[in-house]
């Protein structure tokens, strides 16, 4: 069972690699990891294929921002490499991901639970043989009834100009939530993040 007094050593930003996916809702987690690097970098860059990492100084501690080079549905493979190469446990990992079942702009910090159909989480849970890790869920909402296409189309389309400011604000707040986890630990951070 994860220790909620623990703090993350590694933040894994889920998403798909490549420019074609860079500005999609499904890459919200990866955007958070990249924003952490922008804010607290430059840092030492390390590569453990299929994942790249940047070691940062954050809230007086070392935090590794990890960006899988796998596609979303193979995120667990990248995370398994991190666990092996860095010698980390579930308590050390904060997984940041997009969440359809939260309204756009909402954030929720939680430990464990199901994958809710999120293939990245499913892959991680399968590879770790446990769902007992902490997730920072970045709400992207569900498509409007007028949306033409599937849910997959919605999460994989480039975010429309009108919605970009909202997503950018969510990413900034997710960075703040991550820093809070590093600074005061998961349990105290949950009390703050989940009340907003």
C-alpha atoms as a PDB file:
ATOM      1  CA  UNK A   1       0.000   0.000   0.000  1.00  0.00           C
ATOM      2  CA  UNK A   2       1.321   3.434  -0.904  1.00  0.00           C
ATOM      3  CA  UNK A   3       2.452   5.694   1.919  1.00  0.00           C
ATOM      4  CA  UNK A   4       0.520   8.950   1.599  1.00  0.00           C
ATOM      5  CA  UNK A   5       3.198  10.704   3.647  1.00  0.00           C
ATOM      6  CA  UNK A   6       5.555   9.947   0.777  1.00  0.00           C
ATOM      7  CA  UNK A   7       6.594  12.477  -1.827  1.00  0.00           C
ATOM      8  CA  UNK A   8       7.153  11.845  -5.524  1.00  0.00           C
ATOM      9  CA  UNK A   9      10.667  11.348  -6.798  1.00  0.00           C
ATOM     10  CA  UNK A  10       9.499  10.818 -10.381  1.00  0.00           C
ATOM     11  CA  UNK A  11       6.673  12.529 -12.248  1.00  0.00           C
ATOM     12  CA  UNK A  12       5.543  10.611 -15.331  1.00  0.00           C
ATOM     13  CA  UNK A  13       3.679  12.738 -17.867  1.00  0.00           C
ATOM     14  CA  UNK A  14       1.515  10.479 -20.013  1.00  0.00           C
ATOM     15  CA  UNK A  15       0.982  11.252 -23.675  1.00  0.00           C
ATOM     16  CA  UNK A  16       1.923  10.242 -27.180  1.00  0.00           C
ATOM     17  CA  UNK A  17       5.310  11.096 -28.713  1.00  0.00           C
ATOM     18  CA  UNK A  18       5.743  13.311 -31.756  1.00  0.00           C
ATOM     19  CA  UNK A  19       4.567  16.664 -33.057  1.00  0.00           C
ATOM     20  CA  UNK A  20       1.288  15.257 -34.373  1.00  0.00           C
ATOM     21  CA  UNK A  21       0.119  14.704 -30.788  1.00  0.00           C
ATOM     22  CA  UNK A  22       1.872  17.569 -29.006  1.00  0.00           C
ATOM     23  CA  UNK A  23      -1.174  19.834 -28.705  1.00  0.00           C
ATOM     24  CA  UNK A  24      -3.849  17.197 -28.098  1.00  0.00           C
ATOM     25  CA  UNK A  25      -5.892  16.751 -24.913  1.00  0.00           C
ATOM     26  CA  UNK A  26      -4.493  13.247 -24.519  1.00  0.00           C
ATOM     27  CA  UNK A  27      -1.055  14.823 -23.992  1.00  0.00           C
ATOM     28  CA  UNK A  28      -2.086  16.888 -20.964  1.00  0.00           C
ATOM     29  CA  UNK A  29       0.119  14.766 -18.699  1.00  0.00           C
ATOM     30  CA  UNK A  30       3.132  15.110 -20.951  1.00  0.00           C
ATOM     31  CA  UNK A  31       2.518  18.876 -21.104  1.00  0.00           C
ATOM     32  CA  UNK A  32       2.771  19.000 -17.308  1.00  0.00           C
ATOM     33  CA  UNK A  33       6.120  17.170 -17.328  1.00  0.00           C
ATOM     34  CA  UNK A  34       7.411  19.478 -20.062  1.00  0.00           C
ATOM     35  CA  UNK A  35       6.214  22.564 -18.160  1.00  0.00           C
ATOM     36  CA  UNK A  36       8.053  21.338 -15.052  1.00  0.00           C
ATOM     37  CA  UNK A  37      11.244  21.164 -17.126  1.00  0.00           C
ATOM     38  CA  UNK A  38      10.618  24.685 -18.466  1.00  0.00           C
ATOM     39  CA  UNK A  39      10.030  26.025 -14.973  1.00  0.00           C
ATOM     40  CA  UNK A  40      12.738  24.201 -12.997  1.00  0.00           C
ATOM     41  CA  UNK A  41      15.276  23.317 -15.685  1.00  0.00           C
ATOM     42  CA  UNK A  42      17.657  23.011 -17.214  1.00  0.00           C
ATOM     43  CA  UNK A  43      18.574  19.821 -15.469  1.00  0.00           C
ATOM     44  CA  UNK A  44      20.519  16.660 -16.082  1.00  0.00           C
ATOM     45  CA  UNK A  45      19.027  14.792 -19.041  1.00  0.00           C
ATOM     46  CA  UNK A  46      19.007  11.005 -18.942  1.00  0.00           C
ATOM     47  CA  UNK A  47      17.657   8.501 -21.421  1.00  0.00           C
ATOM     48  CA  UNK A  48      16.427   5.040 -20.547  1.00  0.00           C
ATOM     49  CA  UNK A  49      14.801   3.971 -23.801  1.00  0.00           C
ATOM     50  CA  UNK A  50      11.887   4.173 -24.276  1.00  0.00           C
ATOM     51  CA  UNK A  51      11.710   7.038 -21.760  1.00  0.00           C
ATOM     52  CA  UNK A  52      13.595  10.306 -21.409  1.00  0.00           C
ATOM     53  CA  UNK A  53      14.112  12.024 -18.075  1.00  0.00           C
ATOM     54  CA  UNK A  54      15.257  15.371 -16.752  1.00  0.00           C
ATOM     55  CA  UNK A  55      16.431  15.685 -13.143  1.00  0.00           C
ATOM     56  CA  UNK A  56      15.228  18.954 -11.618  1.00  0.00           C
ATOM     57  CA  UNK A  57      15.568  20.813  -8.349  1.00  0.00           C
ATOM     58  CA  UNK A  58      12.021  21.387  -7.100  1.00  0.00           C
ATOM     59  CA  UNK A  59      10.889  22.538  -3.653  1.00  0.00           C
ATOM     60  CA  UNK A  60      14.363  21.807  -2.324  1.00  0.00           C
ATOM     61  CA  UNK A  61      14.359  18.218  -3.554  1.00  0.00           C
ATOM     62  CA  UNK A  62      15.415  16.335  -6.656  1.00  0.00           C
ATOM     63  CA  UNK A  63      12.486  15.526  -8.924  1.00  0.00           C
ATOM     64  CA  UNK A  64      12.758  13.572 -12.155  1.00  0.00           C
ATOM     65  CA  UNK A  65      10.366  14.562 -14.935  1.00  0.00           C
ATOM     66  CA  UNK A  66       9.834  11.527 -17.156  1.00  0.00           C
ATOM     67  CA  UNK A  67       8.330  11.508 -20.648  1.00  0.00           C
ATOM     68  CA  UNK A  68       7.642   8.088 -22.141  1.00  0.00           C
ATOM     69  CA  UNK A  69       8.614   7.652 -25.771  1.00  0.00           C
ATOM     70  CA  UNK A  70       5.951   4.972 -26.136  1.00  0.00           C
ATOM     71  CA  UNK A  71       2.426   5.536 -27.324  1.00  0.00           C
ATOM     72  CA  UNK A  72      -0.158   5.964 -24.583  1.00  0.00           C
ATOM     73  CA  UNK A  73      -1.371   2.363 -24.572  1.00  0.00           C
ATOM     74  CA  UNK A  74       2.206   1.164 -23.899  1.00  0.00           C
ATOM     75  CA  UNK A  75       2.970   3.595 -21.059  1.00  0.00           C
ATOM     76  CA  UNK A  76       3.513   0.730 -18.644  1.00  0.00           C
ATOM     77  CA  UNK A  77       6.499  -0.505 -20.622  1.00  0.00           C
ATOM     78  CA  UNK A  78       8.225   2.852 -20.145  1.00  0.00           C
ATOM     79  CA  UNK A  79       7.306   2.963 -16.471  1.00  0.00           C
ATOM     80  CA  UNK A  80       8.650  -0.543 -15.904  1.00  0.00           C
ATOM     81  CA  UNK A  81      12.000   0.588 -17.326  1.00  0.00           C
ATOM     82  CA  UNK A  82      12.014   3.536 -14.892  1.00  0.00           C
ATOM     83  CA  UNK A  83      11.259   1.283 -11.936  1.00  0.00           C
ATOM     84  CA  UNK A  84      14.117  -1.026 -12.873  1.00  0.00           C
ATOM     85  CA  UNK A  85      16.690   1.615 -13.797  1.00  0.00           C
ATOM     86  CA  UNK A  86      15.968   4.090 -10.985  1.00  0.00           C
ATOM     87  CA  UNK A  87      15.143   1.578  -8.259  1.00  0.00           C
ATOM     88  CA  UNK A  88      11.880   3.311  -7.414  1.00  0.00           C
ATOM     89  CA  UNK A  89       8.612   2.030  -5.947  1.00  0.00           C
ATOM     90  CA  UNK A  90       4.975   3.025  -6.426  1.00  0.00           C
ATOM     91  CA  UNK A  91       5.328   5.570  -3.586  1.00  0.00           C
ATOM     92  CA  UNK A  92       7.983   7.398  -5.589  1.00  0.00           C
ATOM     93  CA  UNK A  93       5.844   7.829  -8.730  1.00  0.00           C
ATOM     94  CA  UNK A  94       3.278  10.484  -9.588  1.00  0.00           C
ATOM     95  CA  UNK A  95       1.484   9.704 -12.858  1.00  0.00           C
ATOM     96  CA  UNK A  96      -0.084  12.741 -14.547  1.00  0.00           C
ATOM     97  CA  UNK A  97      -2.774  12.095 -17.144  1.00  0.00           C
ATOM     98  CA  UNK A  98      -5.795  13.509 -18.940  1.00  0.00           C
ATOM     99  CA  UNK A  99      -9.207  12.629 -17.493  1.00  0.00           C
ATOM    100  CA  UNK A 100     -12.422  12.590 -19.515  1.00  0.00           C
ATOM    101  CA  UNK A 101     -14.574  12.104 -16.424  1.00  0.00           C
ATOM    102  CA  UNK A 102     -13.535  15.402 -14.840  1.00  0.00           C
ATOM    103  CA  UNK A 103     -14.785  18.745 -16.157  1.00  0.00           C
ATOM    104  CA  UNK A 104     -12.331  20.765 -18.188  1.00  0.00           C
ATOM    105  CA  UNK A 105     -10.035  22.649 -15.847  1.00  0.00           C
ATOM    106  CA  UNK A 106     -10.543  20.372 -12.827  1.00  0.00           C
ATOM    107  CA  UNK A 107      -7.693  18.606 -11.063  1.00  0.00           C
ATOM    108  CA  UNK A 108      -7.881  15.609  -8.751  1.00  0.00           C
ATOM    109  CA  UNK A 109      -5.115  13.865  -6.891  1.00  0.00           C
ATOM    110  CA  UNK A 110      -5.801  10.271  -5.887  1.00  0.00           C
ATOM    111  CA  UNK A 111      -4.132   7.026  -5.006  1.00  0.00           C
ATOM    112  CA  UNK A 112      -5.168   3.797  -6.661  1.00  0.00           C
ATOM    113  CA  UNK A 113      -8.457   2.998  -8.312  1.00  0.00           C
ATOM    114  CA  UNK A 114      -9.470   1.696 -11.698  1.00  0.00           C
ATOM    115  CA  UNK A 115      -8.301   2.905 -15.063  1.00  0.00           C
ATOM    116  CA  UNK A 116     -11.706   4.264 -16.180  1.00  0.00           C
ATOM    117  CA  UNK A 117     -10.962   3.086 -19.706  1.00  0.00           C
ATOM    118  CA  UNK A 118      -7.699   5.066 -19.846  1.00  0.00           C
ATOM    119  CA  UNK A 119      -5.330   2.813 -21.747  1.00  0.00           C
ATOM    120  CA  UNK A 120      -2.203   4.466 -20.377  1.00  0.00           C
ATOM    121  CA  UNK A 121      -3.274   3.733 -16.807  1.00  0.00           C
ATOM    122  CA  UNK A 122      -4.330   0.223 -17.768  1.00  0.00           C
ATOM    123  CA  UNK A 123      -0.890  -0.443 -19.223  1.00  0.00           C
ATOM    124  CA  UNK A 124       0.863   0.916 -16.126  1.00  0.00           C
ATOM    125  CA  UNK A 125      -1.301  -1.123 -13.766  1.00  0.00           C
ATOM    126  CA  UNK A 126      -0.638  -4.276 -15.778  1.00  0.00           C
ATOM    127  CA  UNK A 127       3.134  -3.736 -15.842  1.00  0.00           C
ATOM    128  CA  UNK A 128       3.384  -2.824 -12.151  1.00  0.00           C
ATOM    129  CA  UNK A 129       0.910  -5.586 -11.212  1.00  0.00           C
ATOM    130  CA  UNK A 130      -0.672  -2.964  -8.959  1.00  0.00           C
ATOM    131  CA  UNK A 131      -2.989   0.036  -9.211  1.00  0.00           C
ATOM    132  CA  UNK A 132      -1.572   1.419  -5.970  1.00  0.00           C
ATOM    133  CA  UNK A 133       0.167   4.508  -7.317  1.00  0.00           C
ATOM    134  CA  UNK A 134      -0.731   8.185  -7.116  1.00  0.00           C
ATOM    135  CA  UNK A 135      -2.331   9.905 -10.092  1.00  0.00           C
ATOM    136  CA  UNK A 136      -2.845  13.575 -10.843  1.00  0.00           C
ATOM    137  CA  UNK A 137      -5.909  13.704 -13.076  1.00  0.00           C
ATOM    138  CA  UNK A 138      -6.164  16.719 -15.401  1.00  0.00           C
ATOM    139  CA  UNK A 139      -9.798  17.202 -16.387  1.00  0.00           C
ATOM    140  CA  UNK A 140     -10.485  17.601 -20.095  1.00  0.00           C
ATOM    141  CA  UNK A 141     -14.249  16.924 -19.986  1.00  0.00           C
ATOM    142  CA  UNK A 142     -16.215  14.900 -22.464  1.00  0.00           C
ATOM    143  CA  UNK A 143     -17.004  16.070 -25.986  1.00  0.00           C
ATOM    144  CA  UNK A 144     -20.095  18.200 -26.439  1.00  0.00           C
ATOM    145  CA  UNK A 145     -23.159  16.532 -27.948  1.00  0.00           C
ATOM    146  CA  UNK A 146     -22.502  18.542 -31.092  1.00  0.00           C
ATOM    147  CA  UNK A 147     -19.018  17.030 -31.478  1.00  0.00           C
ATOM    148  CA  UNK A 148     -18.714  15.033 -34.677  1.00  0.00           C
ATOM    149  CA  UNK A 149     -16.580  11.976 -34.048  1.00  0.00           C
ATOM    150  CA  UNK A 150     -15.675   9.481 -31.342  1.00  0.00           C
ATOM    151  CA  UNK A 151     -14.195  10.033 -27.898  1.00  0.00           C
ATOM    152  CA  UNK A 152     -10.847   8.928 -29.381  1.00  0.00           C
ATOM    153  CA  UNK A 153     -11.181  11.655 -32.026  1.00  0.00           C
ATOM    154  CA  UNK A 154     -11.861  14.174 -29.266  1.00  0.00           C
ATOM    155  CA  UNK A 155      -8.804  13.343 -27.173  1.00  0.00           C
ATOM    156  CA  UNK A 156      -6.505  13.066 -30.197  1.00  0.00           C
ATOM    157  CA  UNK A 157      -7.536  16.205 -32.078  1.00  0.00           C
ATOM    158  CA  UNK A 158      -5.479  19.365 -31.765  1.00  0.00           C
ATOM    159  CA  UNK A 159      -7.068  21.485 -29.059  1.00  0.00           C
ATOM    160  CA  UNK A 160      -9.114  24.227 -30.752  1.00  0.00           C
ATOM    161  CA  UNK A 161      -7.824  27.762 -30.330  1.00  0.00           C
ATOM    162  CA  UNK A 162     -10.804  28.705 -28.151  1.00  0.00           C
ATOM    163  CA  UNK A 163      -9.943  25.964 -25.636  1.00  0.00           C
ATOM    164  CA  UNK A 164      -6.161  26.362 -25.538  1.00  0.00           C
ATOM    165  CA  UNK A 165      -6.069  29.000 -22.806  1.00  0.00           C
ATOM    166  CA  UNK A 166      -8.130  26.769 -20.509  1.00  0.00           C
ATOM    167  CA  UNK A 167      -5.865  23.771 -21.094  1.00  0.00           C
ATOM    168  CA  UNK A 168      -2.768  25.909 -20.585  1.00  0.00           C
ATOM    169  CA  UNK A 169      -4.172  27.144 -17.259  1.00  0.00           C
ATOM    170  CA  UNK A 170      -4.899  23.546 -16.212  1.00  0.00           C
ATOM    171  CA  UNK A 171      -1.333  22.542 -17.033  1.00  0.00           C
ATOM    172  CA  UNK A 172       0.030  25.425 -14.935  1.00  0.00           C
ATOM    173  CA  UNK A 173      -2.162  24.447 -11.989  1.00  0.00           C
ATOM    174  CA  UNK A 174      -1.118  20.800 -12.368  1.00  0.00           C
ATOM    175  CA  UNK A 175       2.508  21.931 -12.151  1.00  0.00           C
ATOM    176  CA  UNK A 176       1.665  23.781  -8.926  1.00  0.00           C
ATOM    177  CA  UNK A 177      -0.071  20.650  -7.588  1.00  0.00           C
ATOM    178  CA  UNK A 178       2.995  18.572  -8.428  1.00  0.00           C
ATOM    179  CA  UNK A 179       5.278  21.006  -6.624  1.00  0.00           C
ATOM    180  CA  UNK A 180       2.935  20.830  -3.627  1.00  0.00           C
ATOM    181  CA  UNK A 181       3.247  17.029  -3.581  1.00  0.00           C
ATOM    182  CA  UNK A 182       7.027  17.344  -3.572  1.00  0.00           C
ATOM    183  CA  UNK A 183       6.960  20.021  -0.885  1.00  0.00           C
ATOM    184  CA  UNK A 184       4.428  18.655   1.630  1.00  0.00           C
ATOM    185  CA  UNK A 185       3.699  15.078   0.556  1.00  0.00           C
ATOM    186  CA  UNK A 186       0.745  13.396  -1.099  1.00  0.00           C
ATOM    187  CA  UNK A 187      -1.707  13.392   1.822  1.00  0.00           C
ATOM    188  CA  UNK A 188      -1.476  17.110   2.584  1.00  0.00           C
ATOM    189  CA  UNK A 189      -1.420  17.972  -1.117  1.00  0.00           C
ATOM    190  CA  UNK A 190      -4.616  15.974  -1.689  1.00  0.00           C
ATOM    191  CA  UNK A 191      -6.371  18.030   0.964  1.00  0.00           C
ATOM    192  CA  UNK A 192      -5.456  21.216  -0.872  1.00  0.00           C
ATOM    193  CA  UNK A 193      -5.737  20.152  -4.531  1.00  0.00           C
ATOM    194  CA  UNK A 194      -9.023  18.282  -4.201  1.00  0.00           C
ATOM    195  CA  UNK A 195     -10.804  21.150  -2.431  1.00  0.00           C
ATOM    196  CA  UNK A 196     -10.203  23.603  -5.266  1.00  0.00           C
END
